[in-house]
Amino acid sequence: MKISFQKITKTAIILVYLVIVAGALVRMTGSGMGCPDWPRCFGYYIPPTDIKELMWSPNHQFNKGQVIIKDEKLWVAKETFTTTDTYDASNWEEYTKHDYAEFNPVHTWVEYVNRLVGALAGVAVFAMAIASFGFWRRKTSIILLSWLTVFMMGFQAWLGATVVYSVLNPVKITIHMVMALIIVAVILYILDKSKALNYAAISFKKDKLFKSLLVTSLIITLIQVVLGTEVRQFVDERVKMLGYENMHLVMDSPIMQFYFHRTFSFVVFGINLWLYLRNKKLNLGYKKTTWVMYLLGIEILSGIAMYYLDFPFGMQTTHLVSASALFGIQFYMLLESSRKEGQYIA
C-alpha cells in the first residue's frame, strides 16, 4: 500500500507540473480567455470548434447553460429549448461575470486542455489522499497533509475561475502561479516523509552555511517567479496593443519590475553557484546541485533569447517551466538537508 502511495504521489507531482506547463502554453498563446466561463467552456463540456456553434440559429435545440455570442455579448440559455424562426430574448440571460465575448478555436482548445490536465491532477491528488490512509498507525501527518492538498487543489481551481472572471487580472494570475508552487512543495514534502518510513539509503553531510544558502536560494527563486509573472503580464498587454507582427517593439519601454527581474537573476545565479561549489568542495552529497545549474542555464538563456531575439516561439514556456522546476528541486534539497542524523532515504 505504501509503495503504491509513493507511485501515486509521484504521478500527482508530475501532473501538477504538467498543469504548470499547460498554463505556460496558455500564457504564451494568449489563450487565457479561450473559455470565457468556468468550469464549462461556452456552456459545453466539450468546447465548440466553429463559431457557428455559438451563433443563434432557427430550429436548433439549445441546452440549459449553453452560451451564444450575440451583439458582442455572451448570452446563456435559461432552459433547454428549441428555437423558432425568430429570436426570443426571453429564452436568454446576459452573462454578467465579464464582458469578454470573442471566440478563437485555437485559444479555446488550448485553455480546455489546460483545464483537462488540471482535472487529471486533481484526480491524482484525491487518489493520493485516499491512499494516505495506509499510514493511519504510523504517520497521521501524511494523511492530514494529503487531504490538505486536496483542498488546496480545490482552492486553486477556484482561483483559476476568478482569473477568468476578472479577465486575467495580473494580481490573481500571480497568486494562481504561487499557489501552484505551494502545492508542489507540499506534495514533495509528503513524498519525502513517506519514503522516510520505508527505505534505507543515502544520507547527507550537515553544513549550516549550505542550508542557509539553500533557504535563501529558494526564497529568491520564488521572488523571481513573482517578478517574472508581472513582467509577463506587461508583455501580454504590449502584444495585445502592438500585435504579434511588432514583437521587436514590445520591450522598448519595459516596466521597472523587468529591471529588477533581470538584475536579480545575477543574484540567483551567484548564490546557486556558491551552493554548487560548496557542495563539491565539502563533498556533501547533493547531486541535485548539478540539476540546479543546468536549469539556471536554461532559464537565463531563454530570458536572453526573449529579450534580444524578440520572443522566439516556446521561449516563454521554457522560461517559466524551468523556473518552476528549479523551485521544486531546491525545495526537495532543503528537505534532504533537514533529515535527522541516521535517517536514510532511497
Protein backbone atom coordinates (compact mmCIF):
# COMPACT_ATOMS: atom_id res chain seq x y z
CA MET A 1 0.00 0.00 0.00
CA LYS A 2 2.81 2.41 0.94
CA ILE A 3 4.72 1.60 -2.25
CA SER A 4 1.57 2.38 -4.24
CA PHE A 5 1.19 5.62 -2.27
CA GLN A 6 4.61 6.79 -3.43
CA LYS A 7 3.81 5.93 -7.04
CA ILE A 8 0.52 7.82 -6.82
CA THR A 9 2.28 10.78 -5.17
CA LYS A 10 4.93 10.88 -7.89
CA THR A 11 2.16 10.78 -10.51
CA ALA A 12 0.44 13.68 -8.74
CA ILE A 13 3.57 15.82 -8.74
CA ILE A 14 4.19 15.08 -12.43
CA LEU A 15 0.62 16.06 -13.30
CA VAL A 16 0.84 19.26 -11.24
CA TYR A 17 3.95 20.18 -13.20
CA LEU A 18 2.09 19.36 -16.43
CA VAL A 19 -0.57 21.83 -15.29
CA ILE A 20 2.17 24.45 -14.93
CA VAL A 21 3.41 23.59 -18.45
CA ALA A 22 -0.13 23.82 -19.83
CA GLY A 23 -0.66 27.12 -18.03
CA ALA A 24 2.57 28.46 -19.54
CA LEU A 25 1.34 27.43 -23.01
CA VAL A 26 -1.92 29.26 -22.33
CA ARG A 27 0.02 32.42 -21.47
CA MET A 28 2.36 32.05 -24.45
CA THR A 29 -0.50 31.70 -26.94
CA GLY A 30 -2.69 34.33 -25.29
CA SER A 31 -5.42 31.74 -24.66
CA GLY A 32 -6.35 32.74 -21.13
CA MET A 33 -9.87 33.75 -22.19
CA GLY A 34 -10.28 30.88 -24.65
CA CYS A 35 -13.08 29.64 -22.39
CA PRO A 36 -14.90 32.69 -21.00
CA ASP A 37 -16.89 30.70 -18.44
CA TRP A 38 -15.95 28.09 -15.83
CA PRO A 39 -15.93 25.10 -15.32
CA ARG A 40 -17.57 24.53 -18.70
CA CYS A 41 -16.43 26.20 -21.93
CA PHE A 42 -19.08 28.34 -23.63
CA GLY A 43 -21.53 26.20 -21.69
CA TYR A 44 -20.18 22.95 -23.20
CA TYR A 45 -18.34 20.10 -21.53
CA ILE A 46 -16.55 19.57 -24.85
CA PRO A 47 -15.97 23.03 -26.34
CA PRO A 48 -17.04 24.16 -29.83
CA THR A 49 -14.67 24.14 -32.79
CA ASP A 50 -16.59 26.52 -35.04
CA ILE A 51 -18.13 29.94 -34.42
CA LYS A 52 -21.37 28.65 -35.95
CA GLU A 53 -21.92 26.58 -32.80
CA LEU A 54 -22.03 29.81 -30.81
CA MET A 55 -24.46 31.68 -33.03
CA TRP A 56 -28.23 31.72 -32.73
CA SER A 57 -29.97 29.74 -35.48
CA PRO A 58 -33.62 28.79 -36.10
CA ASN A 59 -34.99 25.34 -35.29
CA HIS A 60 -31.98 24.47 -33.15
CA GLN A 61 -32.00 22.92 -29.68
CA PHE A 62 -30.00 24.69 -27.00
CA ASN A 63 -29.43 23.04 -23.63
CA LYS A 64 -29.67 24.91 -20.36
CA GLY A 65 -26.44 26.79 -19.69
CA GLN A 66 -25.18 26.80 -23.27
CA VAL A 67 -23.76 30.11 -24.48
CA ILE A 68 -24.15 32.11 -27.66
CA ILE A 69 -22.46 35.29 -28.87
CA LYS A 70 -24.93 37.96 -29.98
CA ASP A 71 -24.46 41.71 -30.31
CA GLU A 72 -20.88 41.30 -29.00
CA LYS A 73 -22.18 39.86 -25.74
CA LEU A 74 -22.46 36.40 -24.20
CA TRP A 75 -25.96 35.05 -23.62
CA VAL A 76 -26.82 31.95 -21.59
CA ALA A 77 -29.80 29.67 -22.25
CA LYS A 78 -32.16 29.76 -19.25
CA GLU A 79 -33.64 26.34 -20.00
CA THR A 80 -33.37 23.61 -22.63
CA PHE A 81 -35.48 24.65 -25.61
CA THR A 82 -35.72 24.59 -29.40
CA THR A 83 -35.62 27.91 -31.24
CA THR A 84 -38.35 29.06 -33.60
CA ASP A 85 -37.93 31.16 -36.74
CA THR A 86 -37.28 34.33 -34.75
CA TYR A 87 -35.00 35.16 -31.84
CA ASP A 88 -36.79 35.25 -28.49
CA ALA A 89 -34.83 37.25 -25.89
CA SER A 90 -36.89 35.76 -23.05
CA ASN A 91 -35.08 32.43 -23.51
CA TRP A 92 -31.71 34.02 -22.71
CA GLU A 93 -29.98 35.86 -19.91
CA GLU A 94 -26.91 38.01 -20.27
CA TYR A 95 -23.64 36.60 -18.94
CA THR A 96 -22.61 39.06 -16.26
CA LYS A 97 -19.28 37.72 -14.95
CA HIS A 98 -17.46 39.86 -17.53
CA ASP A 99 -18.00 41.43 -20.97
CA TYR A 100 -15.43 39.42 -22.96
CA ALA A 101 -17.25 37.89 -25.95
CA GLU A 102 -14.75 36.58 -28.51
CA PHE A 103 -14.17 33.12 -29.96
CA ASN A 104 -10.89 31.74 -31.24
CA PRO A 105 -10.94 27.93 -31.67
CA VAL A 106 -7.18 27.56 -31.05
CA HIS A 107 -7.34 29.62 -27.86
CA THR A 108 -10.43 27.73 -26.73
CA TRP A 109 -8.85 24.31 -27.10
CA VAL A 110 -5.50 25.34 -25.58
CA GLU A 111 -7.37 26.58 -22.49
CA TYR A 112 -9.60 23.49 -22.49
CA VAL A 113 -6.57 21.14 -22.50
CA ASN A 114 -5.16 23.16 -19.60
CA ARG A 115 -8.36 22.53 -17.66
CA LEU A 116 -8.34 18.82 -18.54
CA VAL A 117 -4.79 18.41 -17.24
CA GLY A 118 -5.82 20.29 -14.10
CA ALA A 119 -8.72 17.91 -13.61
CA LEU A 120 -6.39 14.90 -14.00
CA ALA A 121 -4.02 16.38 -11.44
CA GLY A 122 -6.98 16.83 -9.09
CA VAL A 123 -7.93 13.16 -9.50
CA ALA A 124 -4.34 12.09 -8.80
CA VAL A 125 -4.19 14.23 -5.65
CA PHE A 126 -7.51 12.80 -4.47
CA ALA A 127 -6.20 9.26 -5.09
CA MET A 128 -3.10 10.18 -3.07
CA ALA A 129 -5.33 11.31 -0.19
CA ILE A 130 -7.29 8.04 -0.27
CA ALA A 131 -4.08 6.00 -0.35
CA SER A 132 -2.66 8.01 2.57
CA PHE A 133 -4.94 6.14 4.98
CA GLY A 134 -2.34 3.36 4.78
CA PHE A 135 -0.25 5.48 7.17
CA TRP A 136 -3.00 5.66 9.78
CA ARG A 137 -0.97 3.99 12.55
CA ARG A 138 2.49 5.28 11.63
CA LYS A 139 2.32 8.84 10.30
CA THR A 140 -1.03 10.59 10.54
CA SER A 141 0.57 13.86 9.41
CA ILE A 142 0.85 12.33 5.91
CA ILE A 143 -2.91 11.79 5.92
CA LEU A 144 -3.61 15.34 7.08
CA LEU A 145 -1.25 16.88 4.54
CA SER A 146 -2.64 14.72 1.72
CA TRP A 147 -6.18 15.90 2.41
CA LEU A 148 -4.94 19.47 2.83
CA THR A 149 -3.54 19.16 -0.70
CA VAL A 150 -6.97 18.10 -1.96
CA PHE A 151 -8.47 21.29 -0.52
CA MET A 152 -5.57 23.31 -1.94
CA MET A 153 -6.30 21.89 -5.40
CA GLY A 154 -9.93 22.91 -4.97
CA PHE A 155 -8.83 26.39 -3.95
CA GLN A 156 -6.50 26.50 -6.96
CA ALA A 157 -9.41 25.60 -9.25
CA TRP A 158 -11.45 28.41 -7.69
CA LEU A 159 -8.52 30.79 -8.26
CA GLY A 160 -8.49 29.71 -11.91
CA ALA A 161 -12.16 30.62 -12.15
CA THR A 162 -11.56 34.04 -10.61
CA VAL A 163 -8.74 34.66 -13.12
CA VAL A 164 -11.24 34.05 -15.94
CA TYR A 165 -13.99 36.13 -14.32
CA SER A 166 -11.53 39.01 -13.82
CA VAL A 167 -10.43 38.80 -17.49
CA LEU A 168 -6.87 37.88 -16.49
CA ASN A 169 -6.26 40.24 -13.60
CA PRO A 170 -2.44 40.39 -13.07
CA VAL A 171 -2.59 40.04 -9.26
CA LYS A 172 -4.85 36.99 -9.48
CA ILE A 173 -2.60 35.41 -12.11
CA THR A 174 0.39 35.86 -9.78
CA ILE A 175 -1.47 34.33 -6.82
CA HIS A 176 -2.56 31.45 -9.07
CA MET A 177 1.09 30.76 -10.02
CA VAL A 178 2.41 31.00 -6.45
CA MET A 179 -0.34 28.65 -5.26
CA ALA A 180 0.77 26.06 -7.83
CA LEU A 181 4.31 26.17 -6.40
CA ILE A 182 2.99 25.82 -2.84
CA ILE A 183 1.09 22.69 -3.93
CA VAL A 184 4.30 21.35 -5.49
CA ALA A 185 6.15 21.95 -2.21
CA VAL A 186 3.52 20.22 -0.07
CA ILE A 187 3.39 17.14 -2.32
CA LEU A 188 7.19 16.91 -2.32
CA TYR A 189 7.14 17.12 1.48
CA ILE A 190 4.56 14.31 1.63
CA LEU A 191 6.67 12.18 -0.72
CA ASP A 192 9.81 12.75 1.33
CA LYS A 193 8.11 11.84 4.62
CA SER A 194 6.50 8.71 3.19
CA LYS A 195 9.87 7.50 1.92
CA ALA A 196 11.44 8.02 5.33
CA LEU A 197 9.23 5.29 6.76
CA ASN A 198 10.17 2.61 4.28
CA TYR A 199 13.69 2.83 2.90
CA ALA A 200 17.33 2.88 3.87
CA ALA A 201 19.81 4.58 1.59
CA ILE A 202 21.70 7.87 1.17
CA SER A 203 22.46 10.31 3.98
CA PHE A 204 23.76 13.86 3.60
CA LYS A 205 26.51 15.65 5.46
CA LYS A 206 25.45 18.62 7.57
CA ASP A 207 26.65 22.13 6.77
CA LYS A 208 24.90 25.16 8.27
CA LEU A 209 26.13 27.60 5.63
CA PHE A 210 24.98 25.31 2.82
CA LYS A 211 21.50 25.05 4.35
CA SER A 212 21.29 28.81 4.88
CA LEU A 213 22.26 29.41 1.27
CA LEU A 214 19.69 26.84 0.18
CA VAL A 215 16.90 28.62 2.08
CA THR A 216 17.99 31.93 0.56
CA SER A 217 18.08 30.49 -2.95
CA LEU A 218 14.56 29.10 -2.54
CA ILE A 219 13.19 32.46 -1.38
CA ILE A 220 14.81 34.43 -4.20
CA THR A 221 13.60 31.89 -6.77
CA LEU A 222 10.05 32.49 -5.54
CA ILE A 223 10.60 36.26 -5.74
CA GLN A 224 11.90 35.84 -9.30
CA VAL A 225 8.79 33.87 -10.28
CA VAL A 226 6.54 36.65 -8.93
CA LEU A 227 8.54 39.36 -10.72
CA GLY A 228 8.55 37.27 -13.90
CA THR A 229 4.76 36.88 -13.76
CA GLU A 230 4.38 40.67 -13.55
CA VAL A 231 6.77 41.17 -16.48
CA ARG A 232 4.85 38.56 -18.42
CA GLN A 233 1.61 40.44 -17.85
CA PHE A 234 3.26 43.61 -19.19
CA VAL A 235 4.40 41.69 -22.27
CA ASP A 236 0.87 40.35 -22.83
CA GLU A 237 -0.57 43.86 -22.70
CA ARG A 238 2.06 45.19 -25.11
CA VAL A 239 1.48 42.33 -27.56
CA LYS A 240 -2.26 42.96 -27.43
CA MET A 241 -1.66 46.63 -28.20
CA LEU A 242 1.08 46.26 -30.85
CA GLY A 243 0.25 42.88 -32.42
CA TYR A 244 2.49 39.87 -32.95
CA GLU A 245 3.99 41.44 -36.07
CA ASN A 246 5.67 44.07 -33.86
CA MET A 247 7.31 41.85 -31.25
CA HIS A 248 10.54 43.83 -31.68
CA LEU A 249 8.80 46.82 -30.07
CA VAL A 250 7.39 45.02 -27.04
CA MET A 251 10.35 45.69 -24.71
CA ASP A 252 11.16 49.22 -25.94
CA SER A 253 9.99 50.78 -22.66
CA PRO A 254 9.86 47.99 -20.05
CA ILE A 255 8.40 48.40 -16.57
CA MET A 256 10.65 48.74 -13.51
CA GLN A 257 9.92 45.12 -12.48
CA PHE A 258 11.75 43.96 -15.60
CA TYR A 259 14.98 45.62 -14.49
CA PHE A 260 14.62 44.11 -11.00
CA HIS A 261 13.92 40.72 -12.56
CA ARG A 262 16.94 40.91 -14.85
CA THR A 263 19.33 42.22 -12.19
CA PHE A 264 18.07 39.76 -9.60
CA SER A 265 18.99 36.90 -11.95
CA PHE A 266 22.67 37.61 -11.21
CA VAL A 267 21.96 37.17 -7.50
CA VAL A 268 20.10 33.92 -8.18
CA PHE A 269 22.95 32.59 -10.29
CA GLY A 270 25.63 33.68 -7.80
CA ILE A 271 24.02 32.05 -4.76
CA ASN A 272 23.31 28.80 -6.61
CA LEU A 273 26.86 28.71 -7.99
CA TRP A 274 28.10 29.15 -4.41
CA LEU A 275 25.90 26.20 -3.38
CA TYR A 276 27.26 24.06 -6.22
CA LEU A 277 30.89 24.83 -5.42
CA ARG A 278 30.47 24.36 -1.65
CA ASN A 279 28.73 21.02 -2.17
CA LYS A 280 31.58 19.92 -4.44
CA LYS A 281 34.33 21.21 -2.15
CA LEU A 282 32.95 19.60 1.04
CA ASN A 283 31.58 16.52 -0.76
CA LEU A 284 28.18 16.99 0.91
CA GLY A 285 26.42 14.59 -1.47
CA TYR A 286 23.78 16.88 -3.00
CA LYS A 287 23.83 15.70 -6.61
CA LYS A 288 20.81 17.85 -7.45
CA THR A 289 23.01 20.97 -7.35
CA THR A 290 24.10 19.97 -10.86
CA TRP A 291 20.45 19.90 -11.98
CA VAL A 292 20.03 23.35 -10.47
CA MET A 293 22.88 24.75 -12.56
CA TYR A 294 21.51 23.19 -15.74
CA LEU A 295 18.06 24.65 -15.08
CA LEU A 296 19.55 28.06 -14.32
CA GLY A 297 21.41 27.90 -17.62
CA ILE A 298 18.18 27.12 -19.49
CA GLU A 299 16.32 29.86 -17.64
CA ILE A 300 18.98 32.51 -18.30
CA LEU A 301 19.41 31.57 -21.97
CA SER A 302 15.65 31.59 -22.59
CA GLY A 303 15.42 35.01 -20.91
CA ILE A 304 18.21 36.36 -23.12
CA ALA A 305 16.52 34.91 -26.21
CA MET A 306 13.20 36.57 -25.35
CA TYR A 307 14.77 39.99 -24.88
CA TYR A 308 17.28 40.05 -27.71
CA LEU A 309 15.57 37.77 -30.27
CA ASP A 310 12.00 39.13 -29.91
CA PHE A 311 10.41 36.23 -28.06
CA PRO A 312 11.13 33.12 -30.17
CA PHE A 313 8.38 30.51 -30.10
CA GLY A 314 8.47 28.37 -26.97
CA MET A 315 10.93 30.52 -25.00
CA GLN A 316 8.29 31.94 -22.66
CA THR A 317 7.08 28.47 -21.74
CA THR A 318 10.67 27.21 -21.34
CA HIS A 319 11.48 30.16 -19.07
CA LEU A 320 8.53 29.64 -16.75
CA VAL A 321 8.72 25.84 -16.60
CA SER A 322 12.46 25.85 -15.85
CA ALA A 323 11.86 28.33 -13.00
CA SER A 324 9.10 26.11 -11.59
CA ALA A 325 11.29 23.00 -11.84
CA LEU A 326 14.13 24.92 -10.19
CA PHE A 327 11.87 25.77 -7.24
CA GLY A 328 10.84 22.12 -6.84
CA ILE A 329 14.42 20.82 -6.88
CA GLN A 330 15.62 23.48 -4.44
CA PHE A 331 12.77 22.69 -2.07
CA TYR A 332 13.50 18.96 -2.20
CA MET A 333 17.17 19.64 -1.49
CA LEU A 334 16.04 21.64 1.55
CA LEU A 335 14.08 18.59 2.70
CA GLU A 336 17.19 16.46 2.21
CA SER A 337 19.27 18.89 4.27
CA SER A 338 16.69 18.74 7.10
CA ARG A 339 16.81 14.98 7.63
CA LYS A 340 17.92 13.84 11.03
CA GLU A 341 21.18 12.04 11.56
CA GLY A 342 20.77 8.35 10.90
CA GLN A 343 17.72 8.88 8.70
CA TYR A 344 18.27 7.25 5.32
CA ILE A 345 16.15 7.50 2.24
CA ALA A 346 16.31 5.82 -1.13
